Amino acid sequence: MECVRLRVKDVDLGYLQITLRDGKGGRDRRTMVPVFLVDALRKQIAKVADLHREDLSAGEGEVNLPFALSRKYPTAARELGWQYLFPASRRTIANDPVTGRTWEQRHHMDERILQRAVKHAIREAGINKPASCHTFRHSFATHLLENGYDIRTVQELLGHKDVSTTMIYTRVLNRPGMGVRSPLDHHANIGRTVYS
């Protein structure tokens, strides 16, 4: 849900940051944008902008705003920044139970579409272990720790309230064969270098 609920304004390609709103634990947090994905994200934002222009020209283009922001910023729901980064392919009917107002809006894509795409990619990659969207979160934390980032940085990026939750990922690093190179491999590589 953190992925599909992203809004265009949550992606800052200048600072290479993504702000995740109301994420795990109900808190906002920031994470990095990999440089590798900058071009793809630019293209995605351009696609959203084109789609939003189409919706606006059809007299629509409004999205739901969180909390009471629609009262505070009455025109924000039609701004590009508030549009979902991964919008649904079709507009749906929205209804405000307080005012009785009905309108068409473009919500975010259904999270099941993302889940199915990830499952398909896992099969195509030949990975024979159970994995899901949430696996990326665990892999992200584990790889950061393997690369020498401190536990507090990882805690902040994951949005954990307590560092003891983040410490769970250090157990993965301590398993035999995980992150430890056999001395035999070291000597075998030296031999290949010298005698090849």
N, C-alpha and C. Protein backbone atom coordinates (compact mmCIF):
# COMPACT_ATOMS: atom_id res chain seq x y z
N MET A 1 0.83 -1.20 0.00
CA MET A 1 0.00 0.00 0.00
C MET A 1 0.87 1.25 0.00
N GLU A 2 2.02 1.20 0.66
CA GLU A 2 2.90 2.37 0.67
C GLU A 2 3.27 2.77 -0.75
N CYS A 3 3.44 1.81 -1.61
CA CYS A 3 3.82 2.08 -3.00
C CYS A 3 2.64 2.64 -3.79
N VAL A 4 1.50 1.96 -3.77
CA VAL A 4 0.39 2.39 -4.62
C VAL A 4 -0.23 3.70 -4.14
N ARG A 5 -0.06 4.05 -2.86
CA ARG A 5 -0.63 5.31 -2.36
C ARG A 5 0.28 6.52 -2.55
N LEU A 6 1.44 6.33 -3.16
CA LEU A 6 2.34 7.46 -3.40
C LEU A 6 1.66 8.50 -4.29
N ARG A 7 1.88 9.77 -3.97
CA ARG A 7 1.38 10.87 -4.79
C ARG A 7 2.58 11.46 -5.54
N VAL A 8 2.31 12.16 -6.62
CA VAL A 8 3.39 12.76 -7.42
C VAL A 8 4.27 13.65 -6.54
N LYS A 9 3.66 14.41 -5.63
CA LYS A 9 4.42 15.33 -4.80
C LYS A 9 5.33 14.63 -3.78
N ASP A 10 5.11 13.34 -3.57
CA ASP A 10 5.93 12.58 -2.61
C ASP A 10 7.28 12.18 -3.18
N VAL A 11 7.47 12.34 -4.49
CA VAL A 11 8.72 11.95 -5.15
C VAL A 11 9.52 13.22 -5.44
N ASP A 12 10.68 13.32 -4.82
CA ASP A 12 11.56 14.48 -5.01
C ASP A 12 12.82 14.01 -5.71
N LEU A 13 12.85 14.16 -7.02
CA LEU A 13 14.00 13.68 -7.80
C LEU A 13 15.20 14.59 -7.65
N GLY A 14 15.01 15.84 -7.22
CA GLY A 14 16.13 16.74 -6.97
C GLY A 14 16.98 16.28 -5.80
N TYR A 15 16.30 15.85 -4.73
CA TYR A 15 17.00 15.36 -3.53
C TYR A 15 17.06 13.84 -3.48
N LEU A 16 16.53 13.18 -4.52
CA LEU A 16 16.50 11.71 -4.58
C LEU A 16 15.84 11.12 -3.33
N GLN A 17 14.64 11.64 -3.01
CA GLN A 17 13.91 11.18 -1.84
C GLN A 17 12.46 10.87 -2.19
N ILE A 18 11.91 9.90 -1.48
CA ILE A 18 10.48 9.61 -1.53
C ILE A 18 9.97 9.76 -0.11
N THR A 19 8.87 10.45 0.05
CA THR A 19 8.22 10.56 1.35
C THR A 19 7.06 9.59 1.37
N LEU A 20 7.09 8.68 2.31
CA LEU A 20 6.02 7.70 2.49
C LEU A 20 5.09 8.24 3.57
N ARG A 21 3.85 8.44 3.22
CA ARG A 21 2.87 9.02 4.14
C ARG A 21 2.06 7.92 4.82
N ASP A 22 1.88 8.09 6.12
CA ASP A 22 1.04 7.18 6.90
C ASP A 22 1.41 5.72 6.62
N GLY A 23 2.71 5.46 6.66
CA GLY A 23 3.21 4.12 6.33
C GLY A 23 3.11 3.17 7.50
N LYS A 24 3.95 2.18 7.48
CA LYS A 24 3.96 1.16 8.53
C LYS A 24 4.12 1.85 9.89
N GLY A 25 3.25 1.53 10.81
CA GLY A 25 3.28 2.17 12.11
C GLY A 25 2.53 3.49 12.13
N GLY A 26 1.87 3.85 11.00
CA GLY A 26 1.08 5.07 10.93
C GLY A 26 1.89 6.35 10.91
N ARG A 27 3.16 6.25 10.53
CA ARG A 27 4.02 7.43 10.54
C ARG A 27 4.53 7.73 9.14
N ASP A 28 4.89 9.00 8.93
CA ASP A 28 5.55 9.40 7.69
C ASP A 28 7.05 9.14 7.83
N ARG A 29 7.69 8.82 6.72
CA ARG A 29 9.14 8.67 6.73
C ARG A 29 9.67 8.95 5.34
N ARG A 30 10.96 9.14 5.25
CA ARG A 30 11.61 9.36 3.95
C ARG A 30 12.53 8.20 3.65
N THR A 31 12.64 7.93 2.37
CA THR A 31 13.59 6.92 1.91
C THR A 31 14.23 7.45 0.63
N MET A 32 15.22 6.75 0.17
CA MET A 32 15.97 7.25 -0.99
C MET A 32 15.36 6.77 -2.30
N VAL A 33 15.63 7.53 -3.35
CA VAL A 33 15.30 7.12 -4.71
C VAL A 33 16.60 6.62 -5.33
N PRO A 34 16.65 5.36 -5.76
CA PRO A 34 17.86 4.90 -6.44
C PRO A 34 18.07 5.68 -7.74
N VAL A 35 19.29 6.10 -7.99
CA VAL A 35 19.61 6.83 -9.21
C VAL A 35 19.19 6.01 -10.43
N PHE A 36 19.29 4.71 -10.32
CA PHE A 36 18.91 3.78 -11.38
C PHE A 36 17.45 3.98 -11.82
N LEU A 37 16.58 4.46 -10.91
CA LEU A 37 15.15 4.58 -11.21
C LEU A 37 14.71 5.99 -11.58
N VAL A 38 15.61 6.95 -11.59
CA VAL A 38 15.23 8.35 -11.84
C VAL A 38 14.54 8.52 -13.19
N ASP A 39 15.10 7.97 -14.25
CA ASP A 39 14.49 8.12 -15.58
C ASP A 39 13.12 7.46 -15.63
N ALA A 40 12.99 6.28 -15.05
CA ALA A 40 11.69 5.59 -15.05
C ALA A 40 10.65 6.39 -14.26
N LEU A 41 11.07 6.99 -13.15
CA LEU A 41 10.13 7.80 -12.37
C LEU A 41 9.75 9.08 -13.12
N ARG A 42 10.69 9.69 -13.82
CA ARG A 42 10.36 10.87 -14.63
C ARG A 42 9.31 10.51 -15.69
N LYS A 43 9.50 9.38 -16.34
CA LYS A 43 8.54 8.93 -17.35
C LYS A 43 7.17 8.66 -16.73
N GLN A 44 7.16 8.05 -15.54
CA GLN A 44 5.90 7.76 -14.87
C GLN A 44 5.17 9.06 -14.50
N ILE A 45 5.90 10.04 -14.01
CA ILE A 45 5.30 11.33 -13.66
C ILE A 45 4.75 12.00 -14.92
N ALA A 46 5.46 11.89 -16.03
CA ALA A 46 4.98 12.48 -17.29
C ALA A 46 3.70 11.78 -17.74
N LYS A 47 3.62 10.45 -17.58
CA LYS A 47 2.40 9.71 -17.93
C LYS A 47 1.24 10.17 -17.07
N VAL A 48 1.50 10.35 -15.77
CA VAL A 48 0.44 10.80 -14.85
C VAL A 48 -0.01 12.21 -15.25
N ALA A 49 0.94 13.07 -15.62
CA ALA A 49 0.59 14.44 -16.02
C ALA A 49 -0.29 14.42 -17.26
N ASP A 50 0.02 13.58 -18.24
CA ASP A 50 -0.80 13.47 -19.45
C ASP A 50 -2.20 12.98 -19.11
N LEU A 51 -2.27 11.95 -18.29
CA LEU A 51 -3.56 11.39 -17.89
C LEU A 51 -4.39 12.42 -17.12
N HIS A 52 -3.71 13.17 -16.26
CA HIS A 52 -4.39 14.20 -15.46
C HIS A 52 -4.93 15.31 -16.37
N ARG A 53 -4.16 15.70 -17.38
CA ARG A 53 -4.65 16.70 -18.34
C ARG A 53 -5.90 16.20 -19.05
N GLU A 54 -5.91 14.93 -19.43
CA GLU A 54 -7.09 14.34 -20.06
C GLU A 54 -8.30 14.39 -19.12
N ASP A 55 -8.07 14.02 -17.85
CA ASP A 55 -9.16 14.05 -16.87
C ASP A 55 -9.68 15.46 -16.66
N LEU A 56 -8.76 16.43 -16.58
CA LEU A 56 -9.18 17.82 -16.39
C LEU A 56 -9.99 18.31 -17.59
N SER A 57 -9.56 17.95 -18.81
CA SER A 57 -10.30 18.40 -20.00
C SER A 57 -11.67 17.74 -20.09
N ALA A 58 -11.83 16.60 -19.40
CA ALA A 58 -13.14 15.93 -19.34
C ALA A 58 -13.99 16.47 -18.19
N GLY A 59 -13.47 17.49 -17.50
CA GLY A 59 -14.21 18.08 -16.39
C GLY A 59 -14.03 17.34 -15.08
N GLU A 60 -13.05 16.46 -15.03
CA GLU A 60 -12.80 15.68 -13.81
C GLU A 60 -11.40 16.02 -13.29
N GLY A 61 -10.63 15.03 -12.82
CA GLY A 61 -9.26 15.28 -12.39
C GLY A 61 -9.10 15.51 -10.90
N GLU A 62 -10.11 15.19 -10.14
CA GLU A 62 -10.06 15.40 -8.69
C GLU A 62 -9.76 14.07 -8.00
N VAL A 63 -8.94 14.10 -6.95
CA VAL A 63 -8.65 12.90 -6.16
C VAL A 63 -9.05 13.16 -4.72
N ASN A 64 -9.21 12.07 -3.97
CA ASN A 64 -9.47 12.22 -2.54
C ASN A 64 -8.21 12.74 -1.85
N LEU A 65 -8.40 13.63 -0.92
CA LEU A 65 -7.29 14.13 -0.12
C LEU A 65 -7.38 13.51 1.27
N PRO A 66 -6.23 13.27 1.89
CA PRO A 66 -6.26 12.68 3.23
C PRO A 66 -6.76 13.67 4.28
N PHE A 67 -7.36 13.09 5.31
CA PHE A 67 -7.82 13.85 6.48
C PHE A 67 -8.76 14.98 6.05
N ALA A 68 -8.58 16.17 6.54
CA ALA A 68 -9.48 17.29 6.23
C ALA A 68 -8.82 18.29 5.28
N LEU A 69 -7.86 17.83 4.50
CA LEU A 69 -7.14 18.76 3.63
C LEU A 69 -8.02 19.38 2.55
N SER A 70 -9.08 18.70 2.17
CA SER A 70 -9.95 19.27 1.12
C SER A 70 -10.65 20.53 1.62
N ARG A 71 -10.90 20.63 2.91
CA ARG A 71 -11.49 21.86 3.46
C ARG A 71 -10.44 22.95 3.59
N LYS A 72 -9.23 22.56 3.94
CA LYS A 72 -8.15 23.53 4.13
C LYS A 72 -7.64 24.06 2.80
N TYR A 73 -7.52 23.15 1.81
CA TYR A 73 -7.02 23.51 0.48
C TYR A 73 -8.04 23.07 -0.56
N PRO A 74 -9.07 23.85 -0.81
CA PRO A 74 -10.18 23.41 -1.67
C PRO A 74 -9.81 23.07 -3.11
N THR A 75 -8.73 23.63 -3.65
CA THR A 75 -8.37 23.34 -5.05
C THR A 75 -7.27 22.28 -5.18
N ALA A 76 -6.71 21.85 -4.07
CA ALA A 76 -5.58 20.92 -4.11
C ALA A 76 -5.93 19.59 -4.76
N ALA A 77 -7.15 19.13 -4.63
CA ALA A 77 -7.55 17.82 -5.16
C ALA A 77 -7.44 17.74 -6.67
N ARG A 78 -7.34 18.90 -7.35
CA ARG A 78 -7.22 18.91 -8.82
C ARG A 78 -5.80 19.22 -9.28
N GLU A 79 -4.87 19.37 -8.34
CA GLU A 79 -3.47 19.68 -8.69
C GLU A 79 -2.71 18.40 -9.02
N LEU A 80 -1.74 18.53 -9.92
CA LEU A 80 -0.94 17.37 -10.33
C LEU A 80 -0.22 16.74 -9.14
N GLY A 81 0.30 17.54 -8.25
CA GLY A 81 1.07 17.02 -7.12
C GLY A 81 0.30 16.03 -6.25
N TRP A 82 -1.02 16.20 -6.17
CA TRP A 82 -1.83 15.31 -5.34
C TRP A 82 -2.30 14.07 -6.08
N GLN A 83 -2.06 13.99 -7.39
CA GLN A 83 -2.48 12.81 -8.15
C GLN A 83 -1.62 11.62 -7.74
N TYR A 84 -2.20 10.44 -7.83
CA TYR A 84 -1.46 9.22 -7.47
C TYR A 84 -0.38 8.94 -8.50
N LEU A 85 0.78 8.53 -8.03
CA LEU A 85 1.90 8.20 -8.91
C LEU A 85 1.58 6.97 -9.76
N PHE A 86 0.78 6.07 -9.20
CA PHE A 86 0.36 4.86 -9.91
C PHE A 86 -1.17 4.83 -9.95
N PRO A 87 -1.75 5.60 -10.89
CA PRO A 87 -3.20 5.75 -10.92
C PRO A 87 -3.91 4.52 -11.50
N ALA A 88 -5.18 4.41 -11.14
CA ALA A 88 -6.03 3.37 -11.72
C ALA A 88 -6.22 3.65 -13.20
N SER A 89 -6.52 2.62 -13.96
CA SER A 89 -6.70 2.79 -15.40
C SER A 89 -8.03 3.48 -15.73
N ARG A 90 -9.00 3.40 -14.81
CA ARG A 90 -10.31 4.02 -15.05
C ARG A 90 -10.71 4.92 -13.88
N ARG A 91 -11.55 5.88 -14.18
CA ARG A 91 -12.12 6.71 -13.12
C ARG A 91 -13.29 5.97 -12.49
N THR A 92 -13.53 6.28 -11.21
CA THR A 92 -14.66 5.69 -10.49
C THR A 92 -15.50 6.81 -9.88
N ILE A 93 -16.69 6.46 -9.45
CA ILE A 93 -17.60 7.42 -8.82
C ILE A 93 -17.25 7.54 -7.34
N ALA A 94 -17.09 8.78 -6.90
CA ALA A 94 -16.85 9.06 -5.48
C ALA A 94 -18.06 9.78 -4.93
N ASN A 95 -18.29 9.59 -3.64
CA ASN A 95 -19.44 10.19 -3.00
C ASN A 95 -19.02 10.72 -1.63
N ASP A 96 -19.34 11.96 -1.35
CA ASP A 96 -19.06 12.54 -0.04
C ASP A 96 -20.31 12.36 0.82
N PRO A 97 -20.25 11.51 1.84
CA PRO A 97 -21.44 11.25 2.64
C PRO A 97 -21.91 12.47 3.45
N VAL A 98 -21.03 13.41 3.71
CA VAL A 98 -21.41 14.59 4.48
C VAL A 98 -22.20 15.57 3.62
N THR A 99 -21.69 15.88 2.42
CA THR A 99 -22.34 16.87 1.56
C THR A 99 -23.30 16.24 0.55
N GLY A 100 -23.15 14.93 0.31
CA GLY A 100 -23.97 14.26 -0.69
C GLY A 100 -23.47 14.47 -2.11
N ARG A 101 -22.36 15.16 -2.25
CA ARG A 101 -21.78 15.45 -3.57
C ARG A 101 -21.22 14.17 -4.19
N THR A 102 -21.44 14.00 -5.50
CA THR A 102 -20.92 12.85 -6.25
C THR A 102 -20.08 13.37 -7.41
N TRP A 103 -18.96 12.71 -7.68
CA TRP A 103 -18.08 13.09 -8.79
C TRP A 103 -17.26 11.89 -9.23
N GLU A 104 -16.63 12.03 -10.40
CA GLU A 104 -15.71 10.98 -10.89
C GLU A 104 -14.31 11.32 -10.45
N GLN A 105 -13.59 10.30 -10.02
CA GLN A 105 -12.20 10.51 -9.61
C GLN A 105 -11.36 9.35 -10.11
N ARG A 106 -10.05 9.56 -10.11
CA ARG A 106 -9.11 8.50 -10.47
C ARG A 106 -8.35 8.14 -9.20
N HIS A 107 -8.61 6.96 -8.70
CA HIS A 107 -7.97 6.50 -7.47
C HIS A 107 -6.61 5.88 -7.83
N HIS A 108 -5.91 5.35 -6.85
CA HIS A 108 -4.65 4.64 -7.16
C HIS A 108 -4.97 3.25 -7.68
N MET A 109 -3.98 2.64 -8.32
CA MET A 109 -4.15 1.28 -8.83
C MET A 109 -4.44 0.34 -7.66
N ASP A 110 -5.09 -0.74 -7.96
CA ASP A 110 -5.40 -1.76 -6.95
C ASP A 110 -4.09 -2.45 -6.55
N GLU A 111 -3.88 -2.62 -5.27
CA GLU A 111 -2.62 -3.22 -4.81
C GLU A 111 -2.46 -4.65 -5.31
N ARG A 112 -3.55 -5.32 -5.64
CA ARG A 112 -3.44 -6.70 -6.15
C ARG A 112 -2.74 -6.74 -7.51
N ILE A 113 -2.84 -5.68 -8.29
CA ILE A 113 -2.14 -5.61 -9.58
C ILE A 113 -0.63 -5.64 -9.34
N LEU A 114 -0.17 -4.86 -8.37
CA LEU A 114 1.25 -4.85 -8.01
C LEU A 114 1.68 -6.20 -7.47
N GLN A 115 0.85 -6.78 -6.59
CA GLN A 115 1.19 -8.08 -6.00
C GLN A 115 1.32 -9.16 -7.08
N ARG A 116 0.40 -9.16 -8.03
CA ARG A 116 0.47 -10.15 -9.12
C ARG A 116 1.70 -9.93 -9.98
N ALA A 117 2.04 -8.67 -10.25
CA ALA A 117 3.23 -8.37 -11.06
C ALA A 117 4.50 -8.85 -10.36
N VAL A 118 4.56 -8.65 -9.05
CA VAL A 118 5.74 -9.10 -8.28
C VAL A 118 5.81 -10.62 -8.29
N LYS A 119 4.70 -11.30 -8.07
CA LYS A 119 4.68 -12.77 -8.10
C LYS A 119 5.15 -13.28 -9.47
N HIS A 120 4.67 -12.64 -10.54
CA HIS A 120 5.07 -13.03 -11.89
C HIS A 120 6.58 -12.83 -12.09
N ALA A 121 7.09 -11.70 -11.64
CA ALA A 121 8.53 -11.41 -11.79
C ALA A 121 9.37 -12.42 -11.00
N ILE A 122 8.89 -12.81 -9.84
CA ILE A 122 9.61 -13.79 -9.01
C ILE A 122 9.69 -15.13 -9.76
N ARG A 123 8.57 -15.56 -10.33
CA ARG A 123 8.56 -16.82 -11.11
C ARG A 123 9.47 -16.72 -12.32
N GLU A 124 9.38 -15.59 -13.05
CA GLU A 124 10.20 -15.40 -14.26
C GLU A 124 11.69 -15.38 -13.92
N ALA A 125 12.04 -14.89 -12.74
CA ALA A 125 13.45 -14.83 -12.34
C ALA A 125 13.96 -16.18 -11.85
N GLY A 126 13.05 -17.16 -11.74
CA GLY A 126 13.46 -18.49 -11.30
C GLY A 126 13.74 -18.58 -9.82
N ILE A 127 13.18 -17.68 -9.05
CA ILE A 127 13.36 -17.72 -7.59
C ILE A 127 12.38 -18.74 -7.02
N ASN A 128 12.90 -19.72 -6.35
CA ASN A 128 12.08 -20.82 -5.85
C ASN A 128 11.82 -20.73 -4.35
N LYS A 129 11.83 -19.54 -3.83
CA LYS A 129 11.54 -19.32 -2.41
C LYS A 129 10.26 -18.49 -2.32
N PRO A 130 9.55 -18.60 -1.19
CA PRO A 130 8.38 -17.74 -1.04
C PRO A 130 8.81 -16.28 -0.98
N ALA A 131 8.14 -15.44 -1.74
CA ALA A 131 8.48 -14.01 -1.74
C ALA A 131 7.24 -13.22 -2.11
N SER A 132 7.22 -11.97 -1.68
CA SER A 132 6.09 -11.08 -1.95
C SER A 132 6.61 -9.64 -1.96
N CYS A 133 5.70 -8.69 -2.09
CA CYS A 133 6.09 -7.28 -2.04
C CYS A 133 6.83 -6.96 -0.74
N HIS A 134 6.36 -7.55 0.34
CA HIS A 134 6.96 -7.26 1.65
C HIS A 134 8.39 -7.78 1.75
N THR A 135 8.73 -8.78 0.92
CA THR A 135 10.09 -9.31 0.91
C THR A 135 11.09 -8.22 0.56
N PHE A 136 10.68 -7.27 -0.31
CA PHE A 136 11.58 -6.18 -0.68
C PHE A 136 11.98 -5.35 0.54
N ARG A 137 11.05 -5.15 1.45
CA ARG A 137 11.34 -4.39 2.67
C ARG A 137 12.43 -5.10 3.49
N HIS A 138 12.28 -6.41 3.65
CA HIS A 138 13.27 -7.18 4.40
C HIS A 138 14.63 -7.20 3.69
N SER A 139 14.59 -7.37 2.37
CA SER A 139 15.83 -7.38 1.60
C SER A 139 16.54 -6.04 1.68
N PHE A 140 15.76 -4.97 1.58
CA PHE A 140 16.29 -3.61 1.67
C PHE A 140 17.07 -3.43 2.98
N ALA A 141 16.44 -3.81 4.09
CA ALA A 141 17.08 -3.66 5.40
C ALA A 141 18.33 -4.52 5.51
N THR A 142 18.23 -5.75 5.07
CA THR A 142 19.37 -6.67 5.16
C THR A 142 20.54 -6.17 4.33
N HIS A 143 20.29 -5.72 3.11
CA HIS A 143 21.38 -5.24 2.25
C HIS A 143 22.01 -3.96 2.79
N LEU A 144 21.20 -3.09 3.38
CA LEU A 144 21.79 -1.89 3.99
C LEU A 144 22.76 -2.27 5.10
N LEU A 145 22.35 -3.21 5.95
CA LEU A 145 23.22 -3.65 7.04
C LEU A 145 24.46 -4.36 6.50
N GLU A 146 24.29 -5.18 5.47
CA GLU A 146 25.44 -5.86 4.85
C GLU A 146 26.43 -4.85 4.28
N ASN A 147 25.92 -3.71 3.80
CA ASN A 147 26.78 -2.68 3.23
C ASN A 147 27.36 -1.74 4.27
N GLY A 148 27.14 -2.02 5.54
CA GLY A 148 27.80 -1.28 6.60
C GLY A 148 27.04 -0.08 7.15
N TYR A 149 25.77 0.12 6.76
CA TYR A 149 25.01 1.23 7.31
C TYR A 149 24.63 0.91 8.75
N ASP A 150 24.61 1.95 9.58
CA ASP A 150 24.34 1.72 11.00
C ASP A 150 22.87 1.41 11.23
N ILE A 151 22.61 0.75 12.34
CA ILE A 151 21.27 0.25 12.67
C ILE A 151 20.26 1.39 12.82
N ARG A 152 20.69 2.54 13.32
CA ARG A 152 19.78 3.68 13.50
C ARG A 152 19.33 4.26 12.14
N THR A 153 20.21 4.28 11.17
CA THR A 153 19.83 4.73 9.82
C THR A 153 18.79 3.79 9.23
N VAL A 154 19.03 2.50 9.38
CA VAL A 154 18.08 1.50 8.86
C VAL A 154 16.75 1.62 9.60
N GLN A 155 16.81 1.83 10.90
CA GLN A 155 15.59 2.02 11.69
C GLN A 155 14.76 3.19 11.15
N GLU A 156 15.42 4.29 10.89
CA GLU A 156 14.73 5.48 10.38
C GLU A 156 14.14 5.23 8.99
N LEU A 157 14.89 4.59 8.11
CA LEU A 157 14.41 4.33 6.76
C LEU A 157 13.21 3.37 6.75
N LEU A 158 13.18 2.43 7.70
CA LEU A 158 12.06 1.49 7.77
C LEU A 158 10.88 2.03 8.56
N GLY A 159 11.12 3.09 9.35
CA GLY A 159 10.04 3.67 10.13
C GLY A 159 9.73 2.91 11.41
N HIS A 160 10.69 2.17 11.92
CA HIS A 160 10.47 1.45 13.17
C HIS A 160 10.54 2.41 14.34
N LYS A 161 9.62 2.27 15.27
CA LYS A 161 9.63 3.11 16.47
C LYS A 161 10.76 2.69 17.40
N ASP A 162 10.99 1.40 17.48
CA ASP A 162 11.97 0.87 18.43
C ASP A 162 13.09 0.16 17.66
N VAL A 163 14.32 0.45 18.05
CA VAL A 163 15.47 -0.15 17.36
C VAL A 163 15.50 -1.67 17.52
N SER A 164 14.87 -2.20 18.57
CA SER A 164 14.86 -3.65 18.76
C SER A 164 14.14 -4.35 17.61
N THR A 165 13.17 -3.69 17.01
CA THR A 165 12.49 -4.26 15.83
C THR A 165 13.47 -4.35 14.67
N THR A 166 14.28 -3.34 14.50
CA THR A 166 15.26 -3.32 13.41
C THR A 166 16.36 -4.34 13.66
N MET A 167 16.67 -4.59 14.93
CA MET A 167 17.75 -5.53 15.28
C MET A 167 17.47 -6.95 14.77
N ILE A 168 16.21 -7.26 14.49
CA ILE A 168 15.87 -8.58 13.95
C ILE A 168 16.68 -8.87 12.68
N TYR A 169 16.93 -7.82 11.89
CA TYR A 169 17.65 -8.01 10.62
C TYR A 169 19.12 -8.37 10.83
N THR A 170 19.66 -8.07 12.00
CA THR A 170 21.06 -8.43 12.24
C THR A 170 21.22 -9.94 12.40
N ARG A 171 20.16 -10.63 12.77
CA ARG A 171 20.23 -12.09 12.90
C ARG A 171 20.53 -12.74 11.56
N VAL A 172 19.98 -12.19 10.50
CA VAL A 172 20.21 -12.73 9.16
C VAL A 172 21.69 -12.64 8.82
N LEU A 173 22.33 -11.56 9.27
CA LEU A 173 23.75 -11.38 8.96
C LEU A 173 24.64 -12.36 9.69
N ASN A 174 24.15 -12.90 10.81
CA ASN A 174 24.97 -13.79 11.65
C ASN A 174 24.82 -15.26 11.30
N ARG A 175 23.97 -15.59 10.33
CA ARG A 175 23.82 -16.99 9.94
C ARG A 175 25.07 -17.47 9.22
N PRO A 176 25.44 -18.74 9.42
CA PRO A 176 26.62 -19.26 8.72
C PRO A 176 26.43 -19.15 7.21
N GLY A 177 27.49 -18.71 6.55
CA GLY A 177 27.47 -18.59 5.11
C GLY A 177 26.85 -17.31 4.59
N MET A 178 26.27 -16.52 5.46
CA MET A 178 25.61 -15.29 5.02
C MET A 178 26.58 -14.13 5.26
N GLY A 179 27.13 -13.61 4.22
CA GLY A 179 28.03 -12.46 4.34
C GLY A 179 29.44 -12.84 4.77
N VAL A 180 29.70 -14.15 4.91
CA VAL A 180 31.03 -14.60 5.32
C VAL A 180 31.64 -15.35 4.14
N ARG A 181 32.84 -14.98 3.77
CA ARG A 181 33.51 -15.63 2.65
C ARG A 181 34.45 -16.70 3.17
N SER A 182 34.37 -17.87 2.61
CA SER A 182 35.21 -18.98 3.04
C SER A 182 36.67 -18.69 2.71
N PRO A 183 37.58 -19.00 3.62
CA PRO A 183 39.01 -18.84 3.33
C PRO A 183 39.44 -19.68 2.11
N LEU A 184 38.78 -20.81 1.90
CA LEU A 184 39.11 -21.65 0.75
C LEU A 184 38.84 -20.89 -0.56
N ASP A 185 37.71 -20.13 -0.60
CA ASP A 185 37.42 -19.34 -1.80
C ASP A 185 38.48 -18.28 -2.01
N HIS A 186 38.96 -17.68 -0.94
CA HIS A 186 39.99 -16.66 -1.05
C HIS A 186 41.26 -17.26 -1.67
N HIS A 187 41.67 -18.43 -1.15
CA HIS A 187 42.87 -19.08 -1.68
C HIS A 187 42.66 -19.57 -3.11
N ALA A 188 41.46 -20.06 -3.41
CA ALA A 188 41.17 -20.53 -4.78
C ALA A 188 41.25 -19.37 -5.76
N ASN A 189 40.79 -18.22 -5.38
CA ASN A 189 40.84 -17.03 -6.26
C ASN A 189 42.29 -16.59 -6.47
N ILE A 190 43.09 -16.66 -5.40
CA ILE A 190 44.51 -16.29 -5.52
C ILE A 190 45.20 -17.25 -6.49
N GLY A 191 44.90 -18.54 -6.35
CA GLY A 191 45.50 -19.54 -7.23
C GLY A 191 45.15 -19.30 -8.69
N ARG A 192 43.87 -18.98 -8.95
CA ARG A 192 43.45 -18.73 -10.33
C ARG A 192 44.14 -17.50 -10.89
N THR A 193 44.31 -16.50 -10.03
CA THR A 193 44.93 -15.27 -10.50
C THR A 193 46.41 -15.51 -10.84
N VAL A 194 47.08 -16.28 -10.00
CA VAL A 194 48.51 -16.51 -10.18
C VAL A 194 48.76 -17.45 -11.35
N TYR A 195 47.95 -18.54 -11.44
CA TYR A 195 48.30 -19.60 -12.40
C TYR A 195 47.51 -19.53 -13.70
N SER A 196 46.58 -18.59 -13.89
CA SER A 196 45.81 -18.61 -15.13
C SER A 196 46.47 -17.84 -16.23
